Structure formats: structure tokens, C-alpha cells
N, C-alpha and C. Protein backbone atom coordinates (compact mmCIF):
# COMPACT_ATOMS: atom_id res chain seq x y z
N MET A 1 101.05 88.18 87.23
CA MET A 1 100.51 88.19 85.88
C MET A 1 100.55 89.62 85.35
N SER A 2 101.08 89.78 84.18
CA SER A 2 101.21 91.12 83.61
C SER A 2 99.87 91.66 83.13
N SER A 3 99.83 92.96 82.97
CA SER A 3 98.58 93.59 82.46
C SER A 3 98.30 93.14 81.03
N LYS A 4 99.35 92.81 80.28
CA LYS A 4 99.17 92.32 78.91
C LYS A 4 98.44 90.97 78.94
N ASN A 5 98.85 90.09 79.86
CA ASN A 5 98.18 88.80 80.00
C ASN A 5 96.74 88.96 80.46
N MET A 6 96.53 89.92 81.40
CA MET A 6 95.17 90.16 81.87
C MET A 6 94.26 90.65 80.73
N ARG A 7 94.77 91.53 79.90
CA ARG A 7 93.98 92.02 78.77
C ARG A 7 93.66 90.85 77.82
N PHE A 8 94.62 89.99 77.61
CA PHE A 8 94.41 88.82 76.74
C PHE A 8 93.32 87.93 77.32
N LEU A 9 93.37 87.65 78.63
CA LEU A 9 92.38 86.79 79.27
C LEU A 9 90.99 87.43 79.19
N ASN A 10 90.90 88.74 79.43
CA ASN A 10 89.61 89.42 79.35
C ASN A 10 89.06 89.39 77.92
N MET A 11 89.94 89.56 76.94
CA MET A 11 89.50 89.51 75.54
C MET A 11 89.05 88.09 75.19
N LEU A 12 89.80 87.11 75.71
CA LEU A 12 89.46 85.70 75.44
C LEU A 12 88.12 85.34 76.07
N LYS A 13 87.86 85.85 77.26
CA LYS A 13 86.64 85.55 77.98
C LYS A 13 85.40 86.09 77.24
N LYS A 14 85.57 87.16 76.48
CA LYS A 14 84.44 87.79 75.76
C LYS A 14 84.12 87.10 74.43
N GLN A 15 84.94 86.14 74.03
CA GLN A 15 84.70 85.44 72.77
C GLN A 15 83.42 84.60 72.88
N PRO A 16 82.55 84.60 71.86
CA PRO A 16 81.26 83.93 71.95
C PRO A 16 81.36 82.41 71.97
N ASN A 17 82.24 81.82 71.21
CA ASN A 17 82.33 80.37 71.11
C ASN A 17 83.54 79.84 71.87
N LEU A 18 83.61 80.12 73.14
CA LEU A 18 84.77 79.72 73.95
C LEU A 18 84.59 78.27 74.37
N THR A 19 85.63 77.45 74.16
CA THR A 19 85.56 76.03 74.54
C THR A 19 85.67 75.91 76.07
N GLU A 20 85.29 74.75 76.56
CA GLU A 20 85.35 74.50 78.01
C GLU A 20 86.80 74.58 78.50
N ASP A 21 87.73 74.07 77.69
CA ASP A 21 89.15 74.14 78.06
C ASP A 21 89.62 75.59 78.18
N ALA A 22 89.20 76.43 77.27
CA ALA A 22 89.58 77.84 77.31
C ALA A 22 88.96 78.53 78.51
N LYS A 23 87.69 78.18 78.84
CA LYS A 23 87.03 78.76 80.01
C LYS A 23 87.77 78.37 81.30
N MET A 24 88.21 77.09 81.36
CA MET A 24 88.97 76.61 82.51
C MET A 24 90.31 77.35 82.62
N TYR A 25 90.96 77.56 81.47
CA TYR A 25 92.23 78.29 81.42
C TYR A 25 92.06 79.69 81.99
N VAL A 26 91.01 80.39 81.55
CA VAL A 26 90.76 81.75 82.02
C VAL A 26 90.48 81.72 83.52
N ALA A 27 89.64 80.80 83.97
CA ALA A 27 89.28 80.72 85.39
C ALA A 27 90.50 80.45 86.27
N LYS A 28 91.35 79.49 85.83
CA LYS A 28 92.55 79.16 86.62
C LYS A 28 93.51 80.34 86.69
N ASN A 29 93.66 81.04 85.58
CA ASN A 29 94.56 82.19 85.60
C ASN A 29 94.03 83.32 86.48
N LYS A 30 92.72 83.49 86.52
CA LYS A 30 92.14 84.49 87.42
C LYS A 30 92.41 84.15 88.88
N ILE A 31 92.30 82.84 89.21
CA ILE A 31 92.55 82.38 90.57
C ILE A 31 94.02 82.61 90.92
N ILE A 32 94.91 82.26 90.00
CA ILE A 32 96.34 82.47 90.22
C ILE A 32 96.62 83.95 90.43
N HIS A 33 95.99 84.79 89.62
CA HIS A 33 96.18 86.24 89.74
C HIS A 33 95.76 86.73 91.12
N LYS A 34 94.60 86.24 91.62
CA LYS A 34 94.12 86.66 92.95
C LYS A 34 95.08 86.20 94.04
N ARG A 35 95.64 84.99 93.91
CA ARG A 35 96.58 84.48 94.92
C ARG A 35 97.87 85.29 94.91
N VAL A 36 98.35 85.63 93.72
CA VAL A 36 99.56 86.45 93.62
C VAL A 36 99.32 87.81 94.27
N MET A 37 98.17 88.42 93.97
CA MET A 37 97.86 89.72 94.54
C MET A 37 97.75 89.64 96.06
N SER A 38 97.18 88.54 96.57
CA SER A 38 97.08 88.35 98.02
C SER A 38 98.48 88.22 98.63
N GLY A 39 99.36 87.49 97.95
CA GLY A 39 100.75 87.36 98.42
C GLY A 39 101.47 88.69 98.40
N ASN A 40 101.21 89.49 97.37
CA ASN A 40 101.82 90.81 97.29
C ASN A 40 101.36 91.69 98.42
N ASP A 41 100.05 91.64 98.73
CA ASP A 41 99.51 92.43 99.84
C ASP A 41 100.19 92.07 101.15
N LYS A 42 100.38 90.77 101.39
CA LYS A 42 101.03 90.32 102.62
C LYS A 42 102.47 90.79 102.66
N TYR A 43 103.16 90.70 101.50
CA TYR A 43 104.56 91.13 101.43
C TYR A 43 104.69 92.61 101.79
N ILE A 44 103.81 93.43 101.23
CA ILE A 44 103.86 94.88 101.51
C ILE A 44 103.50 95.15 102.96
N LEU A 45 102.49 94.46 103.47
CA LEU A 45 102.04 94.69 104.85
C LEU A 45 103.14 94.41 105.85
N HIS A 46 103.96 93.38 105.60
CA HIS A 46 105.00 92.99 106.55
C HIS A 46 106.36 93.58 106.25
N ALA A 47 106.46 94.38 105.20
CA ALA A 47 107.76 94.97 104.82
C ALA A 47 108.13 96.12 105.74
N ASN A 48 109.41 96.26 106.03
CA ASN A 48 109.88 97.40 106.82
C ASN A 48 109.82 98.68 106.00
N HIS A 49 110.16 98.61 104.73
CA HIS A 49 110.15 99.75 103.83
C HIS A 49 109.07 99.51 102.78
N LYS A 50 107.88 100.01 103.05
CA LYS A 50 106.73 99.73 102.20
C LYS A 50 106.89 100.28 100.79
N SER A 51 107.45 101.46 100.65
CA SER A 51 107.65 102.03 99.31
C SER A 51 108.58 101.15 98.50
N LYS A 52 109.64 100.68 99.12
CA LYS A 52 110.59 99.81 98.44
C LYS A 52 109.92 98.49 98.04
N ALA A 53 109.09 97.96 98.93
CA ALA A 53 108.41 96.70 98.65
C ALA A 53 107.46 96.87 97.46
N VAL A 54 106.74 97.99 97.39
CA VAL A 54 105.84 98.23 96.27
C VAL A 54 106.62 98.28 94.96
N TRP A 55 107.74 98.97 94.97
CA TRP A 55 108.55 99.07 93.73
C TRP A 55 109.13 97.72 93.34
N GLN A 56 109.51 96.91 94.32
CA GLN A 56 110.03 95.58 94.00
C GLN A 56 108.97 94.74 93.32
N ILE A 57 107.73 94.80 93.83
CA ILE A 57 106.63 94.03 93.23
C ILE A 57 106.32 94.58 91.85
N THR A 58 106.29 95.91 91.72
CA THR A 58 105.99 96.52 90.42
C THR A 58 107.03 96.08 89.39
N ASN A 59 108.28 96.13 89.75
CA ASN A 59 109.34 95.72 88.81
C ASN A 59 109.25 94.25 88.48
N LYS A 60 108.91 93.42 89.45
CA LYS A 60 108.77 91.99 89.21
C LYS A 60 107.60 91.71 88.26
N GLU A 61 106.47 92.38 88.49
CA GLU A 61 105.27 92.14 87.70
C GLU A 61 105.42 92.66 86.27
N THR A 62 106.16 93.74 86.10
CA THR A 62 106.33 94.31 84.75
C THR A 62 107.52 93.71 84.04
N GLY A 63 108.25 92.82 84.69
CA GLY A 63 109.37 92.16 84.05
C GLY A 63 110.65 92.98 84.07
N ARG A 64 110.64 94.09 84.77
CA ARG A 64 111.85 94.91 84.86
C ARG A 64 112.67 94.41 86.05
N THR A 65 113.82 93.91 85.77
CA THR A 65 114.70 93.47 86.84
C THR A 65 116.03 94.18 86.70
N SER A 66 116.67 94.33 87.82
CA SER A 66 117.95 95.00 87.84
C SER A 66 119.00 94.11 87.17
N SER A 67 119.65 94.66 86.17
CA SER A 67 120.66 93.86 85.46
C SER A 67 122.08 94.34 85.79
N ASN A 68 122.21 95.20 86.79
CA ASN A 68 123.53 95.69 87.11
C ASN A 68 124.18 94.90 88.26
N LYS A 69 123.72 93.67 88.47
CA LYS A 69 124.33 92.82 89.47
C LYS A 69 125.61 92.26 88.87
N GLN A 70 126.71 92.51 89.52
CA GLN A 70 127.99 92.09 89.00
C GLN A 70 128.65 91.14 89.98
N ASP A 71 129.42 90.23 89.43
CA ASP A 71 130.19 89.35 90.27
C ASP A 71 131.36 90.14 90.85
N ILE A 72 131.48 90.07 92.16
CA ILE A 72 132.54 90.81 92.84
C ILE A 72 133.65 89.83 93.17
N LYS A 73 134.87 90.27 92.94
CA LYS A 73 136.00 89.45 93.37
C LYS A 73 137.13 90.37 93.81
N ILE A 74 137.80 89.96 94.86
CA ILE A 74 138.96 90.71 95.33
C ILE A 74 140.09 89.71 95.58
N ILE A 75 141.28 90.22 95.58
CA ILE A 75 142.46 89.42 95.92
C ILE A 75 142.90 89.85 97.32
N TRP A 76 142.89 88.92 98.23
CA TRP A 76 143.24 89.21 99.63
C TRP A 76 144.30 88.18 100.05
N ASN A 77 145.48 88.66 100.37
CA ASN A 77 146.60 87.79 100.74
C ASN A 77 146.83 86.69 99.70
N SER A 78 146.91 87.10 98.43
CA SER A 78 147.15 86.23 97.30
C SER A 78 146.02 85.22 97.05
N GLU A 79 144.87 85.42 97.64
CA GLU A 79 143.73 84.52 97.46
C GLU A 79 142.57 85.29 96.82
N GLU A 80 141.97 84.71 95.78
CA GLU A 80 140.83 85.35 95.13
C GLU A 80 139.57 84.97 95.87
N ILE A 81 138.81 86.01 96.29
CA ILE A 81 137.59 85.79 97.06
C ILE A 81 136.41 86.34 96.26
N THR A 82 135.35 85.50 96.11
CA THR A 82 134.18 85.90 95.33
C THR A 82 132.89 85.88 96.14
N ASN A 83 132.90 85.31 97.32
CA ASN A 83 131.70 85.24 98.16
C ASN A 83 131.41 86.65 98.72
N PRO A 84 130.25 87.26 98.36
CA PRO A 84 129.96 88.63 98.82
C PRO A 84 129.95 88.79 100.34
N GLU A 85 129.43 87.78 101.08
CA GLU A 85 129.42 87.88 102.54
C GLU A 85 130.85 87.90 103.10
N HIS A 86 131.69 87.06 102.52
CA HIS A 86 133.09 86.99 102.97
C HIS A 86 133.80 88.32 102.66
N ILE A 87 133.54 88.88 101.49
CA ILE A 87 134.15 90.17 101.13
C ILE A 87 133.70 91.26 102.08
N ALA A 88 132.41 91.28 102.39
CA ALA A 88 131.88 92.29 103.31
C ALA A 88 132.53 92.14 104.68
N GLU A 89 132.71 90.91 105.13
CA GLU A 89 133.34 90.66 106.43
C GLU A 89 134.79 91.12 106.42
N LEU A 90 135.50 90.92 105.31
CA LEU A 90 136.89 91.39 105.21
C LEU A 90 136.97 92.90 105.30
N PHE A 91 136.09 93.59 104.57
CA PHE A 91 136.08 95.05 104.64
C PHE A 91 135.75 95.52 106.05
N ASN A 92 134.76 94.90 106.67
CA ASN A 92 134.36 95.28 108.02
C ASN A 92 135.53 95.10 108.98
N SER A 93 136.18 93.97 108.90
CA SER A 93 137.32 93.68 109.75
C SER A 93 138.45 94.69 109.54
N TYR A 94 138.73 95.01 108.29
CA TYR A 94 139.80 95.96 107.96
C TYR A 94 139.52 97.32 108.58
N PHE A 95 138.31 97.83 108.37
CA PHE A 95 138.01 99.18 108.86
C PHE A 95 137.85 99.23 110.37
N CYS A 96 137.54 98.10 111.00
CA CYS A 96 137.50 98.08 112.47
C CYS A 96 138.92 98.08 113.05
N LYS A 97 139.86 97.41 112.37
CA LYS A 97 141.21 97.29 112.90
C LYS A 97 142.10 98.48 112.55
N ILE A 98 141.74 99.25 111.54
CA ILE A 98 142.62 100.33 111.10
C ILE A 98 142.77 101.41 112.19
N SER A 99 141.71 101.66 112.94
CA SER A 99 141.81 102.68 114.00
C SER A 99 142.77 102.21 115.09
N GLU A 100 142.74 100.93 115.43
CA GLU A 100 143.66 100.38 116.43
C GLU A 100 145.10 100.51 115.94
N ALA A 101 145.31 100.21 114.67
CA ALA A 101 146.67 100.30 114.10
C ALA A 101 147.18 101.75 114.13
N LEU A 102 146.31 102.69 113.83
CA LEU A 102 146.73 104.12 113.84
C LEU A 102 147.03 104.57 115.27
N LEU A 103 146.25 104.11 116.25
CA LEU A 103 146.51 104.46 117.64
C LEU A 103 147.86 103.90 118.10
N LYS A 104 148.14 102.66 117.72
CA LYS A 104 149.43 102.06 118.09
C LYS A 104 150.58 102.84 117.46
N LYS A 105 150.37 103.26 116.23
CA LYS A 105 151.40 104.04 115.52
C LYS A 105 151.67 105.36 116.22
N ASN A 106 150.64 105.95 116.84
CA ASN A 106 150.79 107.23 117.55
C ASN A 106 151.05 107.02 119.04
N GLY A 107 151.42 105.82 119.45
CA GLY A 107 151.74 105.56 120.83
C GLY A 107 150.51 105.51 121.73
N ASN A 108 149.43 104.96 121.25
CA ASN A 108 148.17 104.82 121.98
C ASN A 108 147.60 106.15 122.50
N ARG A 109 147.82 107.19 121.76
CA ARG A 109 147.21 108.48 122.16
C ARG A 109 146.56 109.10 120.94
N MET A 110 145.53 109.83 121.24
CA MET A 110 144.81 110.51 120.16
C MET A 110 145.64 111.69 119.69
N PRO A 111 145.56 112.06 118.42
CA PRO A 111 146.24 113.24 117.94
C PRO A 111 145.70 114.50 118.63
N ASN A 112 146.49 115.53 118.60
CA ASN A 112 146.11 116.79 119.24
C ASN A 112 144.79 117.27 118.63
N SER A 113 143.76 117.32 119.45
CA SER A 113 142.42 117.63 118.93
C SER A 113 142.30 119.07 118.45
N GLU A 114 143.12 119.97 119.01
CA GLU A 114 143.03 121.37 118.55
C GLU A 114 143.44 121.51 117.09
N ASN A 115 144.39 120.71 116.67
CA ASN A 115 144.86 120.79 115.29
C ASN A 115 143.96 120.01 114.33
N GLN A 116 143.18 119.07 114.86
CA GLN A 116 142.41 118.20 114.00
C GLN A 116 141.03 118.77 113.62
N HIS A 117 140.46 119.62 114.45
CA HIS A 117 139.10 120.13 114.21
C HIS A 117 139.15 121.53 113.63
N LEU A 118 138.17 121.80 112.79
CA LEU A 118 138.04 123.14 112.25
C LEU A 118 137.56 124.08 113.34
N LYS A 119 138.09 125.25 113.33
CA LYS A 119 137.61 126.24 114.30
C LYS A 119 136.35 126.90 113.72
N ILE A 120 135.32 126.88 114.52
CA ILE A 120 134.03 127.45 114.09
C ILE A 120 133.96 128.89 114.56
N LYS A 121 133.70 129.76 113.61
CA LYS A 121 133.58 131.16 113.95
C LYS A 121 132.22 131.42 114.59
N GLU A 122 132.21 132.31 115.56
CA GLU A 122 130.94 132.67 116.18
C GLU A 122 130.14 133.53 115.22
N SER A 123 128.84 133.38 115.31
CA SER A 123 127.97 134.14 114.44
C SER A 123 127.01 134.98 115.28
N THR A 124 126.84 136.20 114.86
CA THR A 124 125.90 137.06 115.55
C THR A 124 124.50 136.93 114.96
N LYS A 125 124.40 136.18 113.86
CA LYS A 125 123.09 135.99 113.23
C LYS A 125 122.30 134.94 114.03
N THR A 126 121.04 135.20 114.21
CA THR A 126 120.21 134.27 114.94
C THR A 126 119.01 133.86 114.10
N MET A 127 118.40 132.80 114.50
CA MET A 127 117.21 132.33 113.82
C MET A 127 116.10 132.27 114.84
N LEU A 128 115.01 132.95 114.58
CA LEU A 128 113.88 132.95 115.49
C LEU A 128 112.75 132.13 114.91
N LEU A 129 112.19 131.27 115.73
CA LEU A 129 111.07 130.46 115.31
C LEU A 129 109.85 130.89 116.11
N PHE A 130 108.74 131.06 115.43
CA PHE A 130 107.52 131.50 116.08
C PHE A 130 106.45 130.43 115.96
N PRO A 131 105.53 130.40 116.89
CA PRO A 131 104.40 129.46 116.75
C PRO A 131 103.63 129.71 115.47
N VAL A 132 103.00 128.67 114.96
CA VAL A 132 102.25 128.80 113.72
C VAL A 132 100.75 128.69 114.00
N ARG A 133 99.97 129.26 113.11
CA ARG A 133 98.51 129.17 113.18
C ARG A 133 98.05 128.06 112.24
N GLU A 134 96.86 127.58 112.45
CA GLU A 134 96.30 126.53 111.60
C GLU A 134 96.24 126.99 110.14
N SER A 135 95.96 128.25 109.92
CA SER A 135 95.86 128.75 108.55
C SER A 135 97.21 128.68 107.84
N GLU A 136 98.30 128.87 108.60
CA GLU A 136 99.64 128.76 108.00
C GLU A 136 99.96 127.31 107.63
N VAL A 137 99.57 126.38 108.48
CA VAL A 137 99.77 124.96 108.19
C VAL A 137 98.99 124.60 106.93
N GLU A 138 97.77 125.08 106.83
CA GLU A 138 96.92 124.78 105.67
C GLU A 138 97.56 125.36 104.41
N LYS A 139 98.09 126.58 104.49
CA LYS A 139 98.70 127.22 103.32
C LYS A 139 99.90 126.41 102.83
N VAL A 140 100.75 125.97 103.77
CA VAL A 140 101.94 125.20 103.40
C VAL A 140 101.53 123.84 102.81
N ALA A 141 100.57 123.18 103.44
CA ALA A 141 100.14 121.86 102.96
C ALA A 141 99.50 121.95 101.57
N MET A 142 98.77 123.02 101.32
CA MET A 142 98.15 123.15 100.00
C MET A 142 99.20 123.37 98.91
N GLY A 143 100.39 123.81 99.29
CA GLY A 143 101.47 124.00 98.34
C GLY A 143 102.21 122.71 97.99
N LEU A 144 101.89 121.61 98.69
CA LEU A 144 102.52 120.33 98.38
C LEU A 144 102.03 119.82 97.03
N LYS A 145 102.90 119.09 96.35
CA LYS A 145 102.51 118.48 95.08
C LYS A 145 101.56 117.33 95.33
N ASN A 146 100.71 117.01 94.40
CA ASN A 146 99.77 115.91 94.53
C ASN A 146 100.43 114.59 94.14
N LYS A 147 101.44 114.20 94.91
CA LYS A 147 102.19 112.98 94.60
C LYS A 147 101.64 111.82 95.43
N LEU A 148 101.70 110.63 94.84
CA LEU A 148 101.27 109.43 95.57
C LEU A 148 102.44 108.80 96.32
N SER A 149 103.67 109.19 96.00
CA SER A 149 104.80 108.62 96.70
C SER A 149 104.85 109.19 98.11
N ALA A 150 105.23 108.32 99.05
CA ALA A 150 105.23 108.71 100.45
C ALA A 150 106.65 108.98 100.93
N GLY A 151 106.75 109.78 101.94
CA GLY A 151 108.04 110.07 102.56
C GLY A 151 108.30 109.10 103.69
N ILE A 152 109.11 109.53 104.64
CA ILE A 152 109.49 108.68 105.77
C ILE A 152 108.28 108.36 106.65
N ASP A 153 107.26 109.22 106.64
CA ASP A 153 106.06 108.98 107.45
C ASP A 153 105.09 108.04 106.75
N GLU A 154 105.39 107.64 105.51
CA GLU A 154 104.59 106.72 104.71
C GLU A 154 103.18 107.26 104.42
N VAL A 155 103.04 108.58 104.44
CA VAL A 155 101.74 109.21 104.12
C VAL A 155 101.95 110.06 102.86
N PRO A 156 101.27 109.74 101.76
CA PRO A 156 101.41 110.54 100.54
C PRO A 156 100.88 111.96 100.72
N ASP A 157 101.50 112.92 100.03
CA ASP A 157 101.09 114.33 100.14
C ASP A 157 99.63 114.53 99.78
N CYS A 158 99.15 113.79 98.80
CA CYS A 158 97.76 113.96 98.36
C CYS A 158 96.78 113.56 99.46
N VAL A 159 97.16 112.59 100.30
CA VAL A 159 96.30 112.20 101.42
C VAL A 159 96.29 113.29 102.48
N VAL A 160 97.44 113.89 102.73
CA VAL A 160 97.53 115.00 103.68
C VAL A 160 96.61 116.13 103.22
N LYS A 161 96.68 116.45 101.94
CA LYS A 161 95.87 117.54 101.42
C LYS A 161 94.37 117.24 101.52
N GLN A 162 93.98 115.98 101.29
CA GLN A 162 92.56 115.62 101.37
C GLN A 162 92.05 115.64 102.80
N CYS A 163 92.92 115.38 103.76
CA CYS A 163 92.51 115.33 105.16
C CYS A 163 92.91 116.59 105.92
N LEU A 164 93.21 117.63 105.22
CA LEU A 164 93.77 118.82 105.81
C LEU A 164 92.86 119.48 106.86
N LYS A 165 91.58 119.50 106.65
CA LYS A 165 90.67 120.10 107.62
C LYS A 165 90.75 119.41 108.97
N LEU A 166 91.05 118.10 108.95
CA LEU A 166 91.17 117.34 110.20
C LEU A 166 92.59 117.42 110.78
N LEU A 167 93.59 117.64 109.91
CA LEU A 167 94.98 117.59 110.34
C LEU A 167 95.60 118.93 110.71
N ASN A 168 95.06 120.04 110.22
CA ASN A 168 95.76 121.31 110.40
C ASN A 168 95.90 121.70 111.87
N LYS A 169 94.91 121.44 112.69
CA LYS A 169 95.02 121.80 114.12
C LYS A 169 96.04 120.92 114.83
N PRO A 170 95.96 119.54 114.67
CA PRO A 170 96.98 118.72 115.33
C PRO A 170 98.39 119.01 114.84
N LEU A 171 98.56 119.25 113.54
CA LEU A 171 99.91 119.56 113.02
C LEU A 171 100.44 120.87 113.60
N ALA A 172 99.57 121.87 113.71
CA ALA A 172 100.01 123.14 114.30
C ALA A 172 100.37 122.93 115.76
N ASN A 173 99.58 122.13 116.47
CA ASN A 173 99.88 121.86 117.90
C ASN A 173 101.20 121.12 118.07
N ILE A 174 101.47 120.14 117.21
CA ILE A 174 102.72 119.39 117.29
C ILE A 174 103.90 120.32 117.02
N TYR A 175 103.81 121.12 115.99
CA TYR A 175 104.91 122.05 115.68
C TYR A 175 105.13 123.00 116.83
N ASN A 176 104.06 123.60 117.32
CA ASN A 176 104.18 124.58 118.43
C ASN A 176 104.73 123.93 119.69
N ALA A 177 104.31 122.68 119.96
CA ALA A 177 104.82 121.98 121.16
C ALA A 177 106.31 121.71 121.02
N SER A 178 106.79 121.49 119.79
CA SER A 178 108.23 121.24 119.60
C SER A 178 109.08 122.48 119.86
N LEU A 179 108.46 123.65 119.85
CA LEU A 179 109.19 124.87 120.13
C LEU A 179 109.35 125.14 121.62
N GLU A 180 108.53 124.53 122.42
CA GLU A 180 108.56 124.80 123.88
C GLU A 180 109.75 124.17 124.55
């Protein structure tokens, strides 16, 4: 249920002379809204990519849907193929077999590896990493933006900043242990 519909229902509910049918309509829509929200919670809870799941629900609820879905078709051996799974399988098969074909063309031997790889120049520059103190972890964390979007760890920066007094010692210990 969109926020526009929710505002309408709330406005309708505040009307002084609301009929019984209108009251039932409002009540049923509230129940539907709660069930949808419960389903969304379950969807997010069981999703592998929680951020993606939240955006999918947000786009669905606001009516924004991706309109760039295009019908794909390719011609393979004079046959037009439109099934996306079949097309994906053809591409997969092609790219798996191309290496075998190239090896056969070269007499089942790999090309001279010395000619194929870039030569890496040695560098006299070095990078030194030192252990960090809790105060340094706190300084870096306080520099994070107050964003609600989460990274790969699924923890928003603003949560890290709010829990910093509890996290700065463990974070410093984890970083320092990774240097050992």
C-alpha cells in the first residue's frame, strides 16, 4: 500500500460521519497493510542481499519498476532464439569451448608464457603498516558519513559511529591481528 493510500485512509478515518462500510474498508486495508509489511519483513530477513531486497520492496511499493527489460533474440545456426535461459546456455557453451578450440589450433600446447605476460619491474618503494591505537580507529570512524546504506558487512556507517565507544577496541585489535 502506498503512502498516498495510507494518508487517504488516515484522513478518511478522521471524518466525523463515517459509515459502517467506510469503517470496514479502512479496517480491512489496515490489516492488508500489516500483512504486506510482515511479508516484506520475511522477504528481507531471508534475502541473501538485504540491501537489494530493501530496494526491490521500495520500488515495488512506490510503483517504480524497471522498464528497461528488453526482449533478447539471437540468430544461432540460422535459428532465431528468444528464450533467455537458452541464450545464456549458448553463450556459456561457446566460451567454454573456445579455449579448447584455440589449444587444438596451437597443437595442444600453451603459447610461450614469456611473450604473453607483461614484465613487472621491480620497485624499491615499500609500504610499511603499523599497528593502530583505539584513538586512531575512533578518528577514522568519526570521519565516516552518516549514511544509512550498508556496505558488504551490512552495517550502516551511522550505526558504527553510534557504537564507536564499544567498537573501537575490538576494531583496533582485529586490524592489529591482521598485521601479525
